[in-house]
Amino acid sequence: MTILINEPVTVTGAPAKKVRRQRVSRSLGPWLLLLPAIAVLVIGLGIPLVRQCIMAFQHYGRAQQFGQPATFNGLENFRAVFTDPDVWAVVIRSLAFCAVNVIVTMLIATAIALLMTRISTAPRIILQVCLLLAWAMPVIAAMTVWQWLFDTSYGVINWTLVHLGLSGFDQHNWLINPLSFFFVATVIVVWMSVPFVVFTLYAALTQVSDEMLEASALDGASGLQRLRYIIYPTIRPVISIVVLLQIVWDLRVFAQINYLQGVGGTVSETNLLGTFIYQLGVGNSNYGVASALALLVLLMTLIISSGYIRSLLKEAKA
């Protein structure tokens, strides 16, 4: 009887080189595909961020814009930020405005997304088209419409309230008082934010198992119990992402506040972080302090989103 023993075969020469080339191409292939996107991010975001970090440690004002060399002043810009009481008032105001807008946006968007799962096809398509049109409208065009709606003399809002018997709203200026100013700003920001959240949550809700919902209903679970124990756990990752994005967007809102300030708001009482940094840099030519404050806002954003970033890293390691 002859016993054949299979010995390991060593690939040498040209076949070995071919195998190595294939392994290298497989390992470098994804990076080569990502290279254009990485290059765009480095050019579009990396270079301005590095420049901003440098300016945060420099005295950079109007003279430096006309060619005078900028001088480094250490932590002086950060000291000016931390010792300015106006900065802390703006930070608190921005955090409060962000919290209110995120909560209101999520509540309204969740309700609409749940409604879209209940209504028939035709009403759902009409609602989706309306949301899409609101989402696609340019910011300045939308702000022009909202300015007309809340106009003191010819606004539809004042006219409607007066005809409902509220005579105190005749010639009412919505932007002169900080509270009513931020009410108008909240209405506009939420109106612009809701469509994205609705579409995202509705897409997540379509992944909820109908069999589980039917089984829970047969077992006597109420609608609130199905929402809490079945629907919410299923779409919780999507909700986390959307809430994080809303926090980032609402914390650095700029265009809406700047526009409303231009048509009647009191700047010193309605500044948020975005408009305050803009006025420090462009308005007062104090680019060093503005860069320092912008870096602190970036750090604040990273701290807020650190939980989600950690979860992403855990998923990548798993």
Protein backbone atom coordinates (compact mmCIF):
# COMPACT_ATOMS: atom_id res chain seq x y z
CA MET A 1 0.00 0.00 0.00
CA THR A 2 1.32 3.40 -0.94
CA ILE A 3 0.61 6.29 1.38
CA LEU A 4 0.61 9.74 -0.24
CA ILE A 5 1.52 12.62 2.05
CA ASN A 6 0.46 16.09 0.94
CA GLU A 7 3.35 18.44 1.61
CA PRO A 8 2.86 22.19 1.81
CA VAL A 9 3.55 23.85 -1.47
CA THR A 10 5.61 27.01 -1.35
CA VAL A 11 4.85 29.54 -3.99
CA THR A 12 8.05 31.00 -5.33
CA GLY A 13 9.14 33.15 -8.20
CA ALA A 14 6.61 34.92 -10.40
CA PRO A 15 3.49 33.36 -8.78
CA ALA A 16 4.61 34.61 -5.35
CA LYS A 17 5.08 38.12 -6.67
CA LYS A 18 1.63 38.00 -8.26
CA VAL A 19 0.06 36.94 -4.97
CA ARG A 20 1.82 39.77 -3.13
CA ARG A 21 0.67 42.30 -5.71
CA GLN A 22 -2.91 41.10 -5.32
CA ARG A 23 -2.71 41.43 -1.55
CA VAL A 24 -1.25 44.94 -1.82
CA SER A 25 -3.91 45.99 -4.33
CA ARG A 26 -6.67 44.65 -2.06
CA SER A 27 -5.29 46.54 0.93
CA LEU A 28 -4.66 49.80 -0.96
CA GLY A 29 -7.77 49.69 -3.13
CA PRO A 30 -10.21 51.18 -0.57
CA TRP A 31 -7.73 53.94 0.31
CA LEU A 32 -7.27 54.84 -3.36
CA LEU A 33 -11.03 55.11 -3.73
CA LEU A 34 -11.21 57.35 -0.66
CA LEU A 35 -8.30 59.53 -1.79
CA PRO A 36 -10.38 62.05 -3.84
CA ALA A 37 -12.82 62.58 -0.95
CA ILE A 38 -9.93 62.92 1.53
CA ALA A 39 -8.24 65.46 -0.75
CA VAL A 40 -11.41 67.55 -0.97
CA LEU A 41 -11.80 67.48 2.82
CA VAL A 42 -8.18 68.48 3.38
CA ILE A 43 -8.39 71.35 0.91
CA GLY A 44 -11.88 72.53 1.85
CA LEU A 45 -11.78 71.97 5.62
CA GLY A 46 -8.26 71.10 6.73
CA ILE A 47 -6.46 74.17 5.40
CA PRO A 48 -9.00 76.70 6.78
CA LEU A 49 -8.99 74.88 10.13
CA VAL A 50 -5.19 75.03 10.36
CA ARG A 51 -5.27 78.70 9.40
CA GLN A 52 -7.90 79.36 12.06
CA CYS A 53 -5.83 77.57 14.70
CA ILE A 54 -2.84 79.77 13.85
CA MET A 55 -4.88 82.97 13.93
CA ALA A 56 -6.29 82.02 17.34
CA PHE A 57 -2.81 82.59 18.79
CA GLN A 58 -2.11 85.78 16.84
CA HIS A 59 -3.00 89.43 17.02
CA TYR A 60 -4.80 89.62 13.70
CA GLY A 61 -6.82 92.73 12.96
CA ARG A 62 -7.46 95.27 10.25
CA ALA A 63 -3.78 96.09 9.72
CA GLN A 64 -2.93 92.45 9.03
CA GLN A 65 -5.52 92.39 6.27
CA PHE A 66 -3.48 95.01 4.43
CA GLY A 67 -0.18 93.18 4.66
CA GLN A 68 1.23 93.95 8.10
CA PRO A 69 2.73 90.77 9.63
CA ALA A 70 0.69 89.15 12.37
CA THR A 71 2.37 88.75 15.75
CA PHE A 72 1.82 85.84 18.10
CA ASN A 73 0.30 86.78 21.45
CA GLY A 74 0.09 83.37 23.12
CA LEU A 75 -3.17 82.74 24.98
CA GLU A 76 -4.24 86.38 25.01
CA ASN A 77 -7.16 85.78 22.63
CA PHE A 78 -8.47 82.92 24.77
CA ARG A 79 -8.10 85.06 27.89
CA ALA A 80 -10.16 87.77 26.21
CA VAL A 81 -12.84 85.20 25.36
CA PHE A 82 -13.07 83.74 28.86
CA THR A 83 -13.12 87.12 30.61
CA ASP A 84 -15.74 88.74 28.37
CA PRO A 85 -19.18 88.57 30.02
CA ASP A 86 -20.85 89.04 26.63
CA VAL A 87 -19.34 85.76 25.44
CA TRP A 88 -20.87 83.79 28.29
CA ALA A 89 -24.26 85.42 27.74
CA VAL A 90 -24.10 84.42 24.08
CA VAL A 91 -23.03 80.85 24.96
CA ILE A 92 -25.93 80.38 27.41
CA ARG A 93 -28.36 81.94 24.94
CA SER A 94 -27.09 79.68 22.13
CA LEU A 95 -27.34 76.51 24.23
CA ALA A 96 -30.89 77.38 25.30
CA PHE A 97 -31.92 78.19 21.73
CA CYS A 98 -30.33 74.95 20.50
CA ALA A 99 -32.07 72.84 23.15
CA VAL A 100 -35.50 74.32 22.44
CA ASN A 101 -35.14 73.92 18.67
CA VAL A 102 -33.89 70.33 18.88
CA ILE A 103 -36.71 69.27 21.22
CA VAL A 104 -39.45 70.99 19.20
CA THR A 105 -38.06 69.71 15.90
CA MET A 106 -37.83 66.12 17.10
CA LEU A 107 -41.33 66.13 18.61
CA ILE A 108 -43.00 67.58 15.50
CA ALA A 109 -40.97 65.47 13.08
CA THR A 110 -41.60 62.24 15.00
CA ALA A 111 -45.33 62.93 15.08
CA ILE A 112 -45.41 63.59 11.32
CA ALA A 113 -43.28 60.51 10.57
CA LEU A 114 -45.62 58.31 12.62
CA LEU A 115 -48.60 59.90 10.87
CA MET A 116 -47.09 59.04 7.48
CA THR A 117 -47.06 55.37 8.45
CA ARG A 118 -50.81 55.50 9.14
CA ILE A 119 -52.26 57.46 6.25
CA SER A 120 -52.95 56.16 2.76
CA THR A 121 -50.67 56.57 -0.24
CA ALA A 122 -52.17 59.70 -1.83
CA PRO A 123 -52.19 61.91 1.30
CA ARG A 124 -48.70 60.65 2.19
CA ILE A 125 -47.32 61.63 -1.22
CA ILE A 126 -48.91 65.08 -0.96
CA LEU A 127 -47.41 65.55 2.49
CA GLN A 128 -43.98 64.38 1.30
CA VAL A 129 -44.07 66.79 -1.65
CA CYS A 130 -44.96 69.68 0.65
CA LEU A 131 -42.13 68.79 3.01
CA LEU A 132 -39.71 68.46 0.12
CA LEU A 133 -40.66 71.89 -1.24
CA ALA A 134 -40.16 73.46 2.19
CA TRP A 135 -36.79 71.73 2.53
CA ALA A 136 -35.63 72.72 -0.96
CA MET A 137 -36.55 76.41 -0.65
CA PRO A 138 -33.41 78.63 -0.50
CA VAL A 139 -32.78 80.22 2.87
CA ILE A 140 -33.01 83.83 1.69
CA ALA A 141 -36.22 83.18 -0.25
CA ALA A 142 -37.75 81.49 2.78
CA MET A 143 -36.63 84.31 5.07
CA THR A 144 -38.23 86.87 2.74
CA VAL A 145 -41.56 85.04 3.00
CA TRP A 146 -41.33 84.76 6.78
CA GLN A 147 -40.43 88.45 7.05
CA TRP A 148 -43.59 89.30 5.14
CA LEU A 149 -45.66 86.99 7.36
CA PHE A 150 -44.42 88.68 10.56
CA ASP A 151 -44.25 92.21 9.13
CA THR A 152 -45.37 94.92 11.56
CA SER A 153 -47.69 96.79 9.19
CA TYR A 154 -48.69 94.28 6.51
CA GLY A 155 -47.96 90.91 8.11
CA VAL A 156 -50.43 88.08 7.76
CA ILE A 157 -49.79 86.95 11.35
CA ASN A 158 -50.75 90.31 12.87
CA TRP A 159 -53.76 90.63 10.55
CA THR A 160 -55.00 87.16 11.54
CA LEU A 161 -54.56 87.73 15.27
CA VAL A 162 -56.32 91.10 15.12
CA HIS A 163 -59.27 89.58 13.26
CA LEU A 164 -59.43 86.85 15.92
CA GLY A 165 -60.05 89.57 18.50
CA LEU A 166 -56.52 90.15 19.80
CA SER A 167 -56.31 93.89 19.25
CA GLY A 168 -52.95 94.13 21.02
CA PHE A 169 -51.24 92.69 17.94
CA ASP A 170 -52.18 95.64 15.73
CA GLN A 171 -48.84 97.02 14.42
CA HIS A 172 -47.05 94.57 16.72
CA ASN A 173 -43.28 94.35 16.16
CA TRP A 174 -42.20 90.72 16.61
CA LEU A 175 -38.48 91.43 16.41
CA ILE A 176 -38.00 94.29 18.88
CA ASN A 177 -38.36 92.06 21.95
CA PRO A 178 -35.73 89.30 22.38
CA LEU A 179 -38.29 86.67 23.45
CA SER A 180 -40.59 87.25 20.48
CA PHE A 181 -37.50 87.53 18.25
CA PHE A 182 -36.37 84.06 19.25
CA PHE A 183 -39.93 82.77 18.93
CA VAL A 184 -39.93 83.86 15.28
CA ALA A 185 -36.43 82.44 14.82
CA THR A 186 -37.50 79.13 16.37
CA VAL A 187 -40.52 78.90 14.07
CA ILE A 188 -38.31 79.47 11.03
CA VAL A 189 -35.50 77.12 12.08
CA VAL A 190 -37.91 74.33 13.03
CA TRP A 191 -39.82 74.79 9.77
CA MET A 192 -36.56 74.36 7.84
CA SER A 193 -35.34 71.42 9.94
CA VAL A 194 -38.47 69.27 10.20
CA PRO A 195 -38.51 67.89 6.61
CA PHE A 196 -35.07 66.25 6.87
CA VAL A 197 -35.89 64.67 10.21
CA VAL A 198 -39.29 63.47 8.97
CA PHE A 199 -37.84 61.76 5.89
CA THR A 200 -35.07 60.15 7.95
CA LEU A 201 -37.38 58.87 10.69
CA TYR A 202 -39.99 57.68 8.20
CA ALA A 203 -37.32 55.66 6.39
CA ALA A 204 -36.36 54.11 9.73
CA LEU A 205 -39.99 53.38 10.62
CA THR A 206 -40.44 51.38 7.43
CA GLN A 207 -37.89 48.92 8.82
CA VAL A 208 -39.96 48.13 11.90
CA SER A 209 -41.31 44.58 11.69
CA ASP A 210 -45.06 44.51 10.98
CA GLU A 211 -45.22 40.98 12.39
CA MET A 212 -43.91 42.15 15.76
CA LEU A 213 -46.38 45.03 15.85
CA GLU A 214 -49.29 42.73 14.99
CA ALA A 215 -48.19 40.13 17.55
CA SER A 216 -47.87 42.75 20.27
CA ALA A 217 -51.31 44.14 19.40
CA LEU A 218 -52.80 40.64 19.68
CA ASP A 219 -51.13 40.28 23.07
CA GLY A 220 -52.92 43.40 24.25
CA ALA A 221 -50.10 45.96 23.99
CA SER A 222 -51.32 49.53 23.69
CA GLY A 223 -50.08 51.95 21.06
CA LEU A 224 -47.84 53.69 23.59
CA GLN A 225 -46.35 50.35 24.67
CA ARG A 226 -45.66 49.36 21.06
CA LEU A 227 -43.99 52.73 20.53
CA ARG A 228 -41.85 52.37 23.65
CA TYR A 229 -40.83 48.71 23.50
CA ILE A 230 -40.80 47.92 19.77
CA ILE A 231 -40.66 51.01 17.56
CA TYR A 232 -38.27 53.14 19.63
CA PRO A 233 -35.61 50.42 20.19
CA THR A 234 -35.65 49.66 16.45
CA ILE A 235 -35.13 53.23 15.29
CA ARG A 236 -33.01 54.42 18.24
CA PRO A 237 -29.71 54.46 16.25
CA VAL A 238 -31.31 56.68 13.62
CA ILE A 239 -32.76 58.97 16.28
CA SER A 240 -29.30 59.31 17.85
CA ILE A 241 -27.78 60.37 14.54
CA VAL A 242 -30.56 62.85 13.78
CA VAL A 243 -30.44 64.41 17.26
CA LEU A 244 -26.66 64.82 16.97
CA LEU A 245 -26.97 66.48 13.57
CA GLN A 246 -29.71 68.78 14.84
CA ILE A 247 -27.58 69.82 17.82
CA VAL A 248 -24.64 70.65 15.55
CA TRP A 249 -26.83 72.57 13.08
CA ASP A 250 -28.85 74.48 15.66
CA LEU A 251 -25.78 75.35 17.72
CA ARG A 252 -24.15 77.14 14.79
CA VAL A 253 -27.25 78.63 13.16
CA PHE A 254 -26.33 81.87 11.43
CA ALA A 255 -28.29 82.88 8.33
CA GLN A 256 -31.72 83.08 9.98
CA ILE A 257 -30.51 85.08 12.99
CA ASN A 258 -28.39 87.42 10.89
CA TYR A 259 -31.28 88.11 8.51
CA LEU A 260 -33.75 88.81 11.32
CA GLN A 261 -31.25 91.13 13.01
CA GLY A 262 -30.95 93.04 9.76
CA VAL A 263 -34.69 93.69 9.54
CA GLY A 264 -35.34 94.80 13.09
CA GLY A 265 -33.71 92.72 15.82
CA THR A 266 -31.55 94.21 18.56
CA VAL A 267 -28.13 92.78 17.80
CA SER A 268 -26.66 92.94 21.31
CA GLU A 269 -29.64 91.06 22.80
CA THR A 270 -30.17 88.49 20.03
CA ASN A 271 -26.65 87.39 19.15
CA LEU A 272 -25.94 83.67 19.01
CA LEU A 273 -22.53 82.08 18.60
CA GLY A 274 -22.58 82.21 14.80
CA THR A 275 -23.53 85.88 14.51
CA PHE A 276 -21.33 86.87 17.46
CA ILE A 277 -18.22 85.29 15.88
CA TYR A 278 -19.11 86.92 12.55
CA GLN A 279 -19.38 90.35 14.15
CA LEU A 280 -16.13 89.90 16.04
CA GLY A 281 -14.26 88.98 12.89
CA VAL A 282 -15.90 90.73 9.93
CA GLY A 283 -17.59 93.55 11.86
CA ASN A 284 -14.84 94.48 14.31
CA SER A 285 -11.85 93.04 12.39
CA ASN A 286 -10.81 91.16 15.54
CA TYR A 287 -10.04 87.92 13.74
CA GLY A 288 -7.75 86.56 16.45
CA VAL A 289 -10.41 86.58 19.17
CA ALA A 290 -13.04 85.38 16.67
CA SER A 291 -10.81 82.42 15.73
CA ALA A 292 -10.24 81.57 19.40
CA LEU A 293 -13.99 81.58 20.07
CA ALA A 294 -14.62 79.50 16.94
CA LEU A 295 -12.14 76.88 18.18
CA LEU A 296 -13.95 76.74 21.52
CA VAL A 297 -17.25 76.22 19.69
CA LEU A 298 -15.63 73.40 17.71
CA LEU A 299 -14.40 71.85 20.98
CA MET A 300 -17.90 72.21 22.46
CA THR A 301 -19.38 70.44 19.43
CA LEU A 302 -16.87 67.59 19.73
CA ILE A 303 -17.68 67.17 23.41
CA ILE A 304 -21.41 67.03 22.67
CA SER A 305 -20.89 64.46 19.92
CA SER A 306 -18.24 62.44 21.79
CA GLY A 307 -20.74 59.77 22.85
CA TYR A 308 -21.78 59.07 19.29
CA ILE A 309 -18.16 59.08 18.11
CA ARG A 310 -17.26 56.50 20.78
CA SER A 311 -20.12 54.26 19.64
CA LEU A 312 -18.87 54.50 16.04
CA LEU A 313 -15.36 53.50 17.13
CA LYS A 314 -16.73 50.53 19.08
CA GLU A 315 -18.70 49.37 16.05
CA ALA A 316 -15.60 49.73 13.86
CA LYS A 317 -13.53 47.59 16.24
CA ALA A 318 -16.27 44.99 16.48
